[in-house]
Amino acid sequence: MIRVSLGTAIELGLVNKKSDIPPTTAYIMIGDKCNNKCAFCSQSTDSSARKDKLSRVTWPQYSKEEILNSFKNYKEKNIKRICIQSMASDDAHETVGEFISYIKDKISMPISLSAKLEKKEDIERFFSCGVDKIGIAIDAANKELYENVKGNNYEEKLKLITSMARKYEGKISTHIIVGLGESHKDIYDLYTYLKENNVTISLFAFTPVRGTKMEKVSQPNIESYRRVQLMTYMIDKGYTGDEFTFKDGYIENVNIDDEIKKDIENGYPFEIRGCKNCNRPYYNERPGSTIYNYSRRLREEEIQLAIKEINLGGE
């Protein structure tokens, strides 16, 4: 089973609709069932949610021939990369390998893979078959939370991610979901550790999906998310913990210098960060609703709104 995100399908001409923010990465999902039991995910074995959805995105199904032909006929310049999201099963991983072999010599784009990989041999195997970058999700920002919402082996997963990132510098990524029940200090500790070990990190806002165990949990407060965005942006820029004041694990204050103030006034901390050319339009939100991750440069009114939402004063 090969699915394409709706935004990707529109951009590639597989669906006759228009999107206001074209994706800069083509998102493909492979596998018809997942062995994971993540409490927040529509693809979990414990979920009764629609299996053509991941987060709030719909993924229509196509043949590999249709997908390849759509890339061959693609005339726009927006898409720069292909990212394959794989279900956690042996069958899905085998299909991923077959699909990469089918397209890699026919499409001149780098290919990323996001998958639950447990062994370095699996990571090395996918690199050898043509994958340019591999994402291994950590999701939860501390051990207890990880074991509650995803399963066990937090330390083993973290060790695998960091050891592979040191070996394959610039080629291993992960993401952290904000709003699962962690503290800001948890995110600071994990983000800093991952950054020190050459891991590329993306932030997602928790998004409740009907049919999952966490369907009744709310998305994170926008003030909380904006403060995490600013903190992680500053960590990426080389700032240390001295700039952040925590109270009961929550960011109470941030020491903002002139450089960061200027970046805030340009909206940079509130844009999507992570893998190059990955903008994930509307992955966490619906058009017209609260925007957690901006998939493009912010307009002036959006910058002013974000500054109001972060509620730190003095920017």
C-alpha atoms as a PDB file:
ATOM      1  CA  MET A   1       0.000   0.000   0.000  1.00  0.00           C
ATOM      2  CA  ILE A   2       1.463   3.359  -1.069  1.00  0.00           C
ATOM      3  CA  ARG A   3      -0.212   6.574   0.015  1.00  0.00           C
ATOM      4  CA  VAL A   4       0.580  10.211  -0.774  1.00  0.00           C
ATOM      5  CA  SER A   5      -0.361  13.121   1.470  1.00  0.00           C
ATOM      6  CA  LEU A   6      -3.239  15.128   0.030  1.00  0.00           C
ATOM      7  CA  GLY A   7      -1.092  18.260  -0.304  1.00  0.00           C
ATOM      8  CA  THR A   8       1.549  16.259  -2.180  1.00  0.00           C
ATOM      9  CA  ALA A   9      -1.092  14.682  -4.422  1.00  0.00           C
ATOM     10  CA  ILE A  10      -2.419  18.138  -5.294  1.00  0.00           C
ATOM     11  CA  GLU A  11       1.078  19.476  -6.004  1.00  0.00           C
ATOM     12  CA  LEU A  12       1.921  16.477  -8.229  1.00  0.00           C
ATOM     13  CA  GLY A  13      -1.348  16.749 -10.168  1.00  0.00           C
ATOM     14  CA  LEU A  14      -2.798  13.489  -8.850  1.00  0.00           C
ATOM     15  CA  VAL A  15      -5.723  15.433  -7.361  1.00  0.00           C
ATOM     16  CA  ASN A  16      -7.392  18.307  -9.180  1.00  0.00           C
ATOM     17  CA  LYS A  17      -7.495  20.841  -6.362  1.00  0.00           C
ATOM     18  CA  LYS A  18      -5.502  23.856  -5.230  1.00  0.00           C
ATOM     19  CA  SER A  19      -3.509  24.381  -2.059  1.00  0.00           C
ATOM     20  CA  ASP A  20      -2.515  27.760  -0.671  1.00  0.00           C
ATOM     21  CA  ILE A  21       0.858  26.507   0.648  1.00  0.00           C
ATOM     22  CA  PRO A  22       2.562  24.046  -1.730  1.00  0.00           C
ATOM     23  CA  PRO A  23       4.657  21.368  -0.007  1.00  0.00           C
ATOM     24  CA  THR A  24       8.409  21.594  -0.537  1.00  0.00           C
ATOM     25  CA  THR A  25       8.791  17.890   0.253  1.00  0.00           C
ATOM     26  CA  ALA A  26       6.716  15.086  -1.281  1.00  0.00           C
ATOM     27  CA  TYR A  27       5.307  12.963   1.550  1.00  0.00           C
ATOM     28  CA  ILE A  28       4.683   9.266   0.865  1.00  0.00           C
ATOM     29  CA  MET A  29       3.356   6.691   3.362  1.00  0.00           C
ATOM     30  CA  ILE A  30       3.999   2.958   2.970  1.00  0.00           C
ATOM     31  CA  GLY A  31       2.380   0.062   4.845  1.00  0.00           C
ATOM     32  CA  ASP A  32      -1.178  -1.023   5.603  1.00  0.00           C
ATOM     33  CA  LYS A  33      -0.724  -1.605   9.344  1.00  0.00           C
ATOM     34  CA  CYS A  34       1.684  -0.617  12.086  1.00  0.00           C
ATOM     35  CA  ASN A  35       3.016  -2.653  15.000  1.00  0.00           C
ATOM     36  CA  ASN A  36       3.364   0.413  17.227  1.00  0.00           C
ATOM     37  CA  LYS A  37       0.916   1.284  20.007  1.00  0.00           C
ATOM     38  CA  CYS A  38       1.506   5.037  20.189  1.00  0.00           C
ATOM     39  CA  ALA A  39      -1.415   6.505  22.126  1.00  0.00           C
ATOM     40  CA  PHE A  40      -1.622   9.613  19.916  1.00  0.00           C
ATOM     41  CA  CYS A  41      -1.332   8.039  16.457  1.00  0.00           C
ATOM     42  CA  SER A  42      -4.083   7.083  14.009  1.00  0.00           C
ATOM     43  CA  GLN A  43      -1.908   4.241  12.670  1.00  0.00           C
ATOM     44  CA  SER A  44      -1.487   2.584  16.095  1.00  0.00           C
ATOM     45  CA  THR A  45      -2.680  -0.996  16.566  1.00  0.00           C
ATOM     46  CA  ASP A  46      -4.808   0.354  19.426  1.00  0.00           C
ATOM     47  CA  SER A  47      -6.436   3.038  17.271  1.00  0.00           C
ATOM     48  CA  SER A  48      -9.856   2.873  15.619  1.00  0.00           C
ATOM     49  CA  ALA A  49      -9.106   5.969  13.530  1.00  0.00           C
ATOM     50  CA  ARG A  50      -9.208   6.018   9.736  1.00  0.00           C
ATOM     51  CA  LYS A  51      -6.076   4.418   8.316  1.00  0.00           C
ATOM     52  CA  ASP A  52      -5.882   6.917   5.470  1.00  0.00           C
ATOM     53  CA  LYS A  53      -4.894   9.598   7.982  1.00  0.00           C
ATOM     54  CA  LEU A  54      -1.687  10.476   9.812  1.00  0.00           C
ATOM     55  CA  SER A  55      -2.074  13.278  12.342  1.00  0.00           C
ATOM     56  CA  ARG A  56      -4.794  15.390  10.673  1.00  0.00           C
ATOM     57  CA  VAL A  57      -3.520  14.806   7.110  1.00  0.00           C
ATOM     58  CA  THR A  58      -5.410  12.615   4.618  1.00  0.00           C
ATOM     59  CA  TRP A  59      -3.337  10.210   2.479  1.00  0.00           C
ATOM     60  CA  PRO A  60      -5.046   8.913  -0.709  1.00  0.00           C
ATOM     61  CA  GLN A  61      -3.685   5.685  -2.214  1.00  0.00           C
ATOM     62  CA  TYR A  62      -1.940   5.293  -5.590  1.00  0.00           C
ATOM     63  CA  SER A  63       0.077   2.704  -7.487  1.00  0.00           C
ATOM     64  CA  LYS A  64       3.853   3.082  -7.680  1.00  0.00           C
ATOM     65  CA  GLU A  65       3.490   3.627 -11.438  1.00  0.00           C
ATOM     66  CA  GLU A  66       1.072   6.526 -10.916  1.00  0.00           C
ATOM     67  CA  ILE A  67       3.399   8.090  -8.365  1.00  0.00           C
ATOM     68  CA  LEU A  68       6.467   7.738 -10.576  1.00  0.00           C
ATOM     69  CA  ASN A  69       4.657   9.162 -13.596  1.00  0.00           C
ATOM     70  CA  SER A  70       3.459  12.136 -11.559  1.00  0.00           C
ATOM     71  CA  PHE A  71       7.079  12.943 -10.673  1.00  0.00           C
ATOM     72  CA  LYS A  72       8.196  12.541 -14.286  1.00  0.00           C
ATOM     73  CA  ASN A  73       5.466  14.967 -15.404  1.00  0.00           C
ATOM     74  CA  TYR A  74       5.996  17.417 -12.538  1.00  0.00           C
ATOM     75  CA  LYS A  75       6.744  20.859 -13.962  1.00  0.00           C
ATOM     76  CA  GLU A  76       6.711  22.995 -10.817  1.00  0.00           C
ATOM     77  CA  LYS A  77       9.798  23.781  -8.766  1.00  0.00           C
ATOM     78  CA  ASN A  78       8.380  23.579  -5.240  1.00  0.00           C
ATOM     79  CA  ILE A  79       9.211  19.978  -4.291  1.00  0.00           C
ATOM     80  CA  LYS A  80      12.894  19.432  -3.512  1.00  0.00           C
ATOM     81  CA  ARG A  81      12.833  16.132  -1.597  1.00  0.00           C
ATOM     82  CA  ILE A  82      10.863  12.911  -1.133  1.00  0.00           C
ATOM     83  CA  CYS A  83      10.117  11.756   2.416  1.00  0.00           C
ATOM     84  CA  ILE A  84       8.773   8.232   2.949  1.00  0.00           C
ATOM     85  CA  GLN A  85       6.827   7.556   6.143  1.00  0.00           C
ATOM     86  CA  SER A  86       6.953   3.820   6.859  1.00  0.00           C
ATOM     87  CA  MET A  87       4.704   1.766   9.082  1.00  0.00           C
ATOM     88  CA  ALA A  88       6.500  -0.305  11.750  1.00  0.00           C
ATOM     89  CA  SER A  89       6.347  -3.756  10.167  1.00  0.00           C
ATOM     90  CA  ASP A  90       8.689  -6.042   8.252  1.00  0.00           C
ATOM     91  CA  ASP A  91       6.343  -6.007   5.252  1.00  0.00           C
ATOM     92  CA  ALA A  92       6.319  -2.208   5.159  1.00  0.00           C
ATOM     93  CA  HIS A  93      10.106  -2.003   5.411  1.00  0.00           C
ATOM     94  CA  GLU A  94      10.449  -4.483   2.553  1.00  0.00           C
ATOM     95  CA  THR A  95       8.037  -2.455   0.428  1.00  0.00           C
ATOM     96  CA  VAL A  96       9.993   0.706   1.220  1.00  0.00           C
ATOM     97  CA  GLY A  97      13.161  -0.907  -0.113  1.00  0.00           C
ATOM     98  CA  GLU A  98      11.369  -2.058  -3.261  1.00  0.00           C
ATOM     99  CA  PHE A  99       9.818   1.375  -3.847  1.00  0.00           C
ATOM    100  CA  ILE A 100      13.156   3.157  -3.427  1.00  0.00           C
ATOM    101  CA  SER A 101      14.776   0.765  -5.905  1.00  0.00           C
ATOM    102  CA  TYR A 102      11.905   1.435  -8.312  1.00  0.00           C
ATOM    103  CA  ILE A 103      12.201   5.248  -8.262  1.00  0.00           C
ATOM    104  CA  LYS A 104      15.750   6.217  -7.250  1.00  0.00           C
ATOM    105  CA  ASP A 105      17.336   6.022 -10.717  1.00  0.00           C
ATOM    106  CA  LYS A 106      14.353   7.685 -12.379  1.00  0.00           C
ATOM    107  CA  ILE A 107      13.918  10.729 -10.107  1.00  0.00           C
ATOM    108  CA  SER A 108      16.732  13.153  -9.327  1.00  0.00           C
ATOM    109  CA  MET A 109      15.629  14.044  -5.799  1.00  0.00           C
ATOM    110  CA  PRO A 110      17.092  13.077  -2.417  1.00  0.00           C
ATOM    111  CA  ILE A 111      14.988  10.540  -0.502  1.00  0.00           C
ATOM    112  CA  SER A 112      14.384  10.626   3.243  1.00  0.00           C
ATOM    113  CA  LEU A 113      12.891   7.847   5.342  1.00  0.00           C
ATOM    114  CA  SER A 114      10.964   8.212   8.595  1.00  0.00           C
ATOM    115  CA  ALA A 115      10.565   4.829  10.285  1.00  0.00           C
ATOM    116  CA  LYS A 116      10.698   2.913  13.547  1.00  0.00           C
ATOM    117  CA  LEU A 117      14.147   1.365  13.248  1.00  0.00           C
ATOM    118  CA  GLU A 118      15.607  -0.521  16.205  1.00  0.00           C
ATOM    119  CA  LYS A 119      19.009  -1.702  14.973  1.00  0.00           C
ATOM    120  CA  LYS A 120      21.971   0.000  13.376  1.00  0.00           C
ATOM    121  CA  GLU A 121      21.996  -2.731  10.709  1.00  0.00           C
ATOM    122  CA  ASP A 122      18.552  -1.592   9.526  1.00  0.00           C
ATOM    123  CA  ILE A 123      19.706   2.021   9.345  1.00  0.00           C
ATOM    124  CA  GLU A 124      22.808   1.053   7.406  1.00  0.00           C
ATOM    125  CA  ARG A 125      20.734  -1.117   5.056  1.00  0.00           C
ATOM    126  CA  PHE A 126      18.447   1.775   4.112  1.00  0.00           C
ATOM    127  CA  PHE A 127      21.369   4.142   3.608  1.00  0.00           C
ATOM    128  CA  SER A 128      22.950   1.585   1.292  1.00  0.00           C
ATOM    129  CA  CYS A 129      19.779   1.247  -0.786  1.00  0.00           C
ATOM    130  CA  GLY A 130      19.635   4.944  -1.581  1.00  0.00           C
ATOM    131  CA  VAL A 131      18.143   6.836   1.367  1.00  0.00           C
ATOM    132  CA  ASP A 132      19.790  10.220   1.970  1.00  0.00           C
ATOM    133  CA  LYS A 133      18.440  10.949   5.461  1.00  0.00           C
ATOM    134  CA  ILE A 134      16.685   8.852   8.140  1.00  0.00           C
ATOM    135  CA  GLY A 135      14.245  10.092  10.774  1.00  0.00           C
ATOM    136  CA  ILE A 136      13.695   8.052  13.948  1.00  0.00           C
ATOM    137  CA  ALA A 137      11.005   9.597  16.154  1.00  0.00           C
ATOM    138  CA  ILE A 138      11.572  10.017  19.876  1.00  0.00           C
ATOM    139  CA  ASP A 139       8.278  11.985  20.251  1.00  0.00           C
ATOM    140  CA  ALA A 140       8.112  12.083  24.062  1.00  0.00           C
ATOM    141  CA  ALA A 141      10.523  14.297  25.993  1.00  0.00           C
ATOM    142  CA  ASN A 142      11.165  12.089  29.015  1.00  0.00           C
ATOM    143  CA  LYS A 143      11.409   8.412  29.888  1.00  0.00           C
ATOM    144  CA  GLU A 144       8.182   8.111  31.902  1.00  0.00           C
ATOM    145  CA  LEU A 145       6.116   9.862  29.250  1.00  0.00           C
ATOM    146  CA  TYR A 146       7.719   7.812  26.464  1.00  0.00           C
ATOM    147  CA  GLU A 147       6.820   4.573  28.204  1.00  0.00           C
ATOM    148  CA  ASN A 148       3.254   5.764  28.849  1.00  0.00           C
ATOM    149  CA  VAL A 149       2.438   6.854  25.299  1.00  0.00           C
ATOM    150  CA  LYS A 150       4.796   4.823  23.097  1.00  0.00           C
ATOM    151  CA  GLY A 151       6.136   1.765  24.910  1.00  0.00           C
ATOM    152  CA  ASN A 152       9.451   0.892  26.501  1.00  0.00           C
ATOM    153  CA  ASN A 153      13.175   1.174  25.682  1.00  0.00           C
ATOM    154  CA  TYR A 154      13.483   4.975  25.861  1.00  0.00           C
ATOM    155  CA  GLU A 155      17.194   4.811  26.689  1.00  0.00           C
ATOM    156  CA  GLU A 156      17.856   2.290  23.919  1.00  0.00           C
ATOM    157  CA  LYS A 157      16.045   4.431  21.330  1.00  0.00           C
ATOM    158  CA  LEU A 158      17.888   7.557  22.430  1.00  0.00           C
ATOM    159  CA  LYS A 159      21.205   5.728  22.318  1.00  0.00           C
ATOM    160  CA  LEU A 160      20.486   4.444  18.798  1.00  0.00           C
ATOM    161  CA  ILE A 161      19.517   7.895  17.505  1.00  0.00           C
ATOM    162  CA  THR A 162      22.553   9.666  18.940  1.00  0.00           C
ATOM    163  CA  SER A 163      25.106   6.994  18.059  1.00  0.00           C
ATOM    164  CA  MET A 164      23.903   6.883  14.449  1.00  0.00           C
ATOM    165  CA  ALA A 165      23.850  10.694  14.274  1.00  0.00           C
ATOM    166  CA  ARG A 166      27.485  10.789  15.329  1.00  0.00           C
ATOM    167  CA  LYS A 167      28.347   8.193  12.691  1.00  0.00           C
ATOM    168  CA  TYR A 168      26.230   9.728   9.907  1.00  0.00           C
ATOM    169  CA  GLU A 169      26.616  13.426  10.619  1.00  0.00           C
ATOM    170  CA  GLY A 170      23.773  15.515   9.234  1.00  0.00           C
ATOM    171  CA  LYS A 171      21.795  12.460   8.129  1.00  0.00           C
ATOM    172  CA  ILE A 172      19.837  11.435  11.249  1.00  0.00           C
ATOM    173  CA  SER A 173      16.767  13.350  12.401  1.00  0.00           C
ATOM    174  CA  THR A 174      14.082  13.013  15.029  1.00  0.00           C
ATOM    175  CA  HIS A 175      11.104  14.975  16.254  1.00  0.00           C
ATOM    176  CA  ILE A 176       9.623  15.979  19.580  1.00  0.00           C
ATOM    177  CA  ILE A 177       5.884  16.348  20.109  1.00  0.00           C
ATOM    178  CA  VAL A 178       5.018  19.272  22.383  1.00  0.00           C
ATOM    179  CA  GLY A 179       1.918  18.839  24.537  1.00  0.00           C
ATOM    180  CA  LEU A 180       2.027  15.163  25.532  1.00  0.00           C
ATOM    181  CA  GLY A 181       2.469  16.054  29.205  1.00  0.00           C
ATOM    182  CA  GLU A 182       6.125  17.036  29.373  1.00  0.00           C
ATOM    183  CA  SER A 183       7.624  20.147  30.970  1.00  0.00           C
ATOM    184  CA  HIS A 184       9.585  22.827  29.155  1.00  0.00           C
ATOM    185  CA  LYS A 185      12.648  21.757  31.126  1.00  0.00           C
ATOM    186  CA  ASP A 186      12.194  18.199  29.789  1.00  0.00           C
ATOM    187  CA  ILE A 187      12.253  19.563  26.244  1.00  0.00           C
ATOM    188  CA  TYR A 188      15.271  21.752  27.013  1.00  0.00           C
ATOM    189  CA  ASP A 189      17.229  18.790  28.394  1.00  0.00           C
ATOM    190  CA  LEU A 190      16.359  16.442  25.533  1.00  0.00           C
ATOM    191  CA  TYR A 191      16.731  19.033  22.774  1.00  0.00           C
ATOM    192  CA  THR A 192      20.126  20.146  24.059  1.00  0.00           C
ATOM    193  CA  TYR A 193      21.345  16.551  24.321  1.00  0.00           C
ATOM    194  CA  LEU A 194      20.176  15.695  20.805  1.00  0.00           C
ATOM    195  CA  LYS A 195      21.724  18.870  19.399  1.00  0.00           C
ATOM    196  CA  GLU A 196      25.060  18.066  21.066  1.00  0.00           C
ATOM    197  CA  ASN A 197      24.975  14.699  19.283  1.00  0.00           C
ATOM    198  CA  ASN A 198      24.400  16.097  15.758  1.00  0.00           C
ATOM    199  CA  VAL A 199      20.720  15.121  15.534  1.00  0.00           C
ATOM    200  CA  THR A 200      18.414  17.247  13.356  1.00  0.00           C
ATOM    201  CA  ILE A 201      15.280  18.023  15.398  1.00  0.00           C
ATOM    202  CA  SER A 202      11.754  19.022  14.386  1.00  0.00           C
ATOM    203  CA  LEU A 203       8.960  20.200  16.684  1.00  0.00           C
ATOM    204  CA  PHE A 204       5.351  19.124  16.347  1.00  0.00           C
ATOM    205  CA  ALA A 205       2.359  20.291  18.352  1.00  0.00           C
ATOM    206  CA  PHE A 206       0.317  17.402  19.719  1.00  0.00           C
ATOM    207  CA  THR A 207      -2.805  16.998  17.598  1.00  0.00           C
ATOM    208  CA  PRO A 208      -5.716  14.933  18.964  1.00  0.00           C
ATOM    209  CA  VAL A 209      -7.089  12.419  16.464  1.00  0.00           C
ATOM    210  CA  ARG A 210     -10.497  10.782  16.876  1.00  0.00           C
ATOM    211  CA  GLY A 211     -10.200   7.067  17.531  1.00  0.00           C
ATOM    212  CA  THR A 212      -6.880   7.243  19.391  1.00  0.00           C
ATOM    213  CA  LYS A 213      -6.317   6.852  23.138  1.00  0.00           C
ATOM    214  CA  MET A 214      -5.482  10.546  23.384  1.00  0.00           C
ATOM    215  CA  GLU A 215      -8.412  11.830  21.339  1.00  0.00           C
ATOM    216  CA  LYS A 216      -9.758  13.893  24.262  1.00  0.00           C
ATOM    217  CA  VAL A 217      -6.422  15.542  25.125  1.00  0.00           C
ATOM    218  CA  SER A 218      -6.204  19.193  24.041  1.00  0.00           C
ATOM    219  CA  GLN A 219      -3.522  20.687  21.860  1.00  0.00           C
ATOM    220  CA  PRO A 220      -0.837  22.591  23.773  1.00  0.00           C
ATOM    221  CA  ASN A 221      -1.537  26.122  24.922  1.00  0.00           C
ATOM    222  CA  ILE A 222      -0.233  28.483  22.231  1.00  0.00           C
ATOM    223  CA  GLU A 223       1.786  30.511  24.760  1.00  0.00           C
ATOM    224  CA  SER A 224       3.511  27.335  25.881  1.00  0.00           C
ATOM    225  CA  TYR A 225       4.265  26.269  22.307  1.00  0.00           C
ATOM    226  CA  ARG A 226       5.586  29.683  21.269  1.00  0.00           C
ATOM    227  CA  ARG A 227       7.967  29.704  24.248  1.00  0.00           C
ATOM    228  CA  VAL A 228       9.252  26.251  23.322  1.00  0.00           C
ATOM    229  CA  GLN A 229       9.726  27.430  19.726  1.00  0.00           C
ATOM    230  CA  LEU A 230      11.786  30.394  20.896  1.00  0.00           C
ATOM    231  CA  MET A 231      13.836  28.289  23.319  1.00  0.00           C
ATOM    232  CA  THR A 232      14.703  25.646  20.717  1.00  0.00           C
ATOM    233  CA  TYR A 233      15.410  28.304  18.098  1.00  0.00           C
ATOM    234  CA  MET A 234      17.914  29.888  20.467  1.00  0.00           C
ATOM    235  CA  ILE A 235      19.498  26.506  21.234  1.00  0.00           C
ATOM    236  CA  ASP A 236      19.920  25.980  17.482  1.00  0.00           C
ATOM    237  CA  LYS A 237      21.630  29.384  17.333  1.00  0.00           C
ATOM    238  CA  GLY A 238      24.092  28.358  20.046  1.00  0.00           C
ATOM    239  CA  TYR A 239      22.546  29.915  23.148  1.00  0.00           C
ATOM    240  CA  THR A 240      22.780  28.010  26.432  1.00  0.00           C
ATOM    241  CA  GLY A 241      20.547  27.452  29.435  1.00  0.00           C
ATOM    242  CA  ASP A 242      21.712  30.714  31.014  1.00  0.00           C
ATOM    243  CA  GLU A 243      19.180  32.575  28.853  1.00  0.00           C
ATOM    244  CA  PHE A 244      16.161  30.660  30.190  1.00  0.00           C
ATOM    245  CA  THR A 245      14.447  30.921  33.556  1.00  0.00           C
ATOM    246  CA  PHE A 246      12.217  27.981  34.496  1.00  0.00           C
ATOM    247  CA  LYS A 247       9.576  27.913  37.213  1.00  0.00           C
ATOM    248  CA  ASP A 248       8.104  24.513  38.039  1.00  0.00           C
ATOM    249  CA  GLY A 249       9.475  23.293  34.698  1.00  0.00           C
ATOM    250  CA  TYR A 250       7.782  26.069  32.684  1.00  0.00           C
ATOM    251  CA  ILE A 251       9.688  28.817  30.839  1.00  0.00           C
ATOM    252  CA  GLU A 252       9.001  31.897  32.923  1.00  0.00           C
ATOM    253  CA  ASN A 253      11.436  34.274  31.246  1.00  0.00           C
ATOM    254  CA  VAL A 254      13.934  34.431  28.371  1.00  0.00           C
ATOM    255  CA  ASN A 255      16.913  36.785  28.206  1.00  0.00           C
ATOM    256  CA  ILE A 256      16.521  38.209  24.705  1.00  0.00           C
ATOM    257  CA  ASP A 257      19.448  40.119  23.191  1.00  0.00           C
ATOM    258  CA  ASP A 258      19.338  42.410  20.166  1.00  0.00           C
ATOM    259  CA  GLU A 259      20.055  39.605  17.696  1.00  0.00           C
ATOM    260  CA  ILE A 260      17.190  37.413  18.919  1.00  0.00           C
ATOM    261  CA  LYS A 261      14.892  40.430  19.184  1.00  0.00           C
ATOM    262  CA  LYS A 262      15.512  41.137  15.503  1.00  0.00           C
ATOM    263  CA  ASP A 263      14.847  37.485  14.611  1.00  0.00           C
ATOM    264  CA  ILE A 264      11.574  37.591  16.551  1.00  0.00           C
ATOM    265  CA  GLU A 265      10.578  40.765  14.716  1.00  0.00           C
ATOM    266  CA  ASN A 266      11.136  38.828  11.462  1.00  0.00           C
ATOM    267  CA  GLY A 267       9.128  35.833  12.730  1.00  0.00           C
ATOM    268  CA  TYR A 268      11.986  33.343  12.316  1.00  0.00           C
ATOM    269  CA  PRO A 269      11.517  31.362  15.572  1.00  0.00           C
ATOM    270  CA  PHE A 270       7.925  30.541  14.605  1.00  0.00           C
ATOM    271  CA  GLU A 271       8.698  29.022  11.216  1.00  0.00           C
ATOM    272  CA  ILE A 272       9.052  25.267  10.763  1.00  0.00           C
ATOM    273  CA  ARG A 273      12.562  23.989  11.397  1.00  0.00           C
ATOM    274  CA  GLY A 274      14.136  20.586  10.982  1.00  0.00           C
ATOM    275  CA  CYS A 275      15.067  18.798   7.788  1.00  0.00           C
ATOM    276  CA  LYS A 276      15.924  21.037   4.840  1.00  0.00           C
ATOM    277  CA  ASN A 277      13.044  21.632   2.405  1.00  0.00           C
ATOM    278  CA  CYS A 278      10.430  20.176   4.765  1.00  0.00           C
ATOM    279  CA  ASN A 279       7.581  22.616   5.397  1.00  0.00           C
ATOM    280  CA  ARG A 280       4.726  20.239   6.419  1.00  0.00           C
ATOM    281  CA  PRO A 281       1.773  22.535   5.571  1.00  0.00           C
ATOM    282  CA  TYR A 282      -1.136  22.256   8.029  1.00  0.00           C
ATOM    283  CA  TYR A 283       0.173  19.118   9.714  1.00  0.00           C
ATOM    284  CA  ASN A 284      -0.815  20.415  13.159  1.00  0.00           C
ATOM    285  CA  GLU A 285      -3.633  22.768  12.267  1.00  0.00           C
ATOM    286  CA  ARG A 286      -6.496  23.534   9.938  1.00  0.00           C
ATOM    287  CA  PRO A 287      -6.513  26.560   7.618  1.00  0.00           C
ATOM    288  CA  GLY A 288      -8.011  29.485   9.521  1.00  0.00           C
ATOM    289  CA  SER A 289      -7.266  27.991  12.954  1.00  0.00           C
ATOM    290  CA  THR A 290      -4.376  28.655  15.347  1.00  0.00           C
ATOM    291  CA  ILE A 291      -1.110  28.128  13.468  1.00  0.00           C
ATOM    292  CA  TYR A 292       1.546  26.339  15.509  1.00  0.00           C
ATOM    293  CA  ASN A 293       4.209  25.866  12.808  1.00  0.00           C
ATOM    294  CA  TYR A 294       4.260  28.414   9.998  1.00  0.00           C
ATOM    295  CA  SER A 295       5.115  26.721   6.692  1.00  0.00           C
ATOM    296  CA  ARG A 296       6.236  29.984   5.083  1.00  0.00           C
ATOM    297  CA  ARG A 297       7.537  33.405   6.029  1.00  0.00           C
ATOM    298  CA  LEU A 298       5.173  35.152   8.434  1.00  0.00           C
ATOM    299  CA  ARG A 299       3.267  38.254   7.419  1.00  0.00           C
ATOM    300  CA  GLU A 300       3.601  41.306   9.661  1.00  0.00           C
ATOM    301  CA  GLU A 301       0.247  40.756  11.366  1.00  0.00           C
ATOM    302  CA  GLU A 302       1.196  37.126  12.053  1.00  0.00           C
ATOM    303  CA  ILE A 303       4.489  38.220  13.616  1.00  0.00           C
ATOM    304  CA  GLN A 304       2.654  40.618  15.899  1.00  0.00           C
ATOM    305  CA  LEU A 305       0.199  37.865  16.827  1.00  0.00           C
ATOM    306  CA  ALA A 306       3.040  35.441  17.629  1.00  0.00           C
ATOM    307  CA  ILE A 307       4.718  38.069  19.832  1.00  0.00           C
ATOM    308  CA  LYS A 308       1.419  38.539  21.661  1.00  0.00           C
ATOM    309  CA  GLU A 309       0.974  34.765  21.986  1.00  0.00           C
ATOM    310  CA  ILE A 310       4.440  34.202  23.440  1.00  0.00           C
ATOM    311  CA  ASN A 311       3.574  36.767  26.139  1.00  0.00           C
ATOM    312  CA  LEU A 312       7.082  37.444  27.415  1.00  0.00           C
ATOM    313  CA  GLY A 313       7.025  41.234  27.285  1.00  0.00           C
ATOM    314  CA  GLY A 314       9.835  43.453  26.130  1.00  0.00           C
ATOM    315  CA  GLU A 315      10.166  42.108  22.539  1.00  0.00           C
END
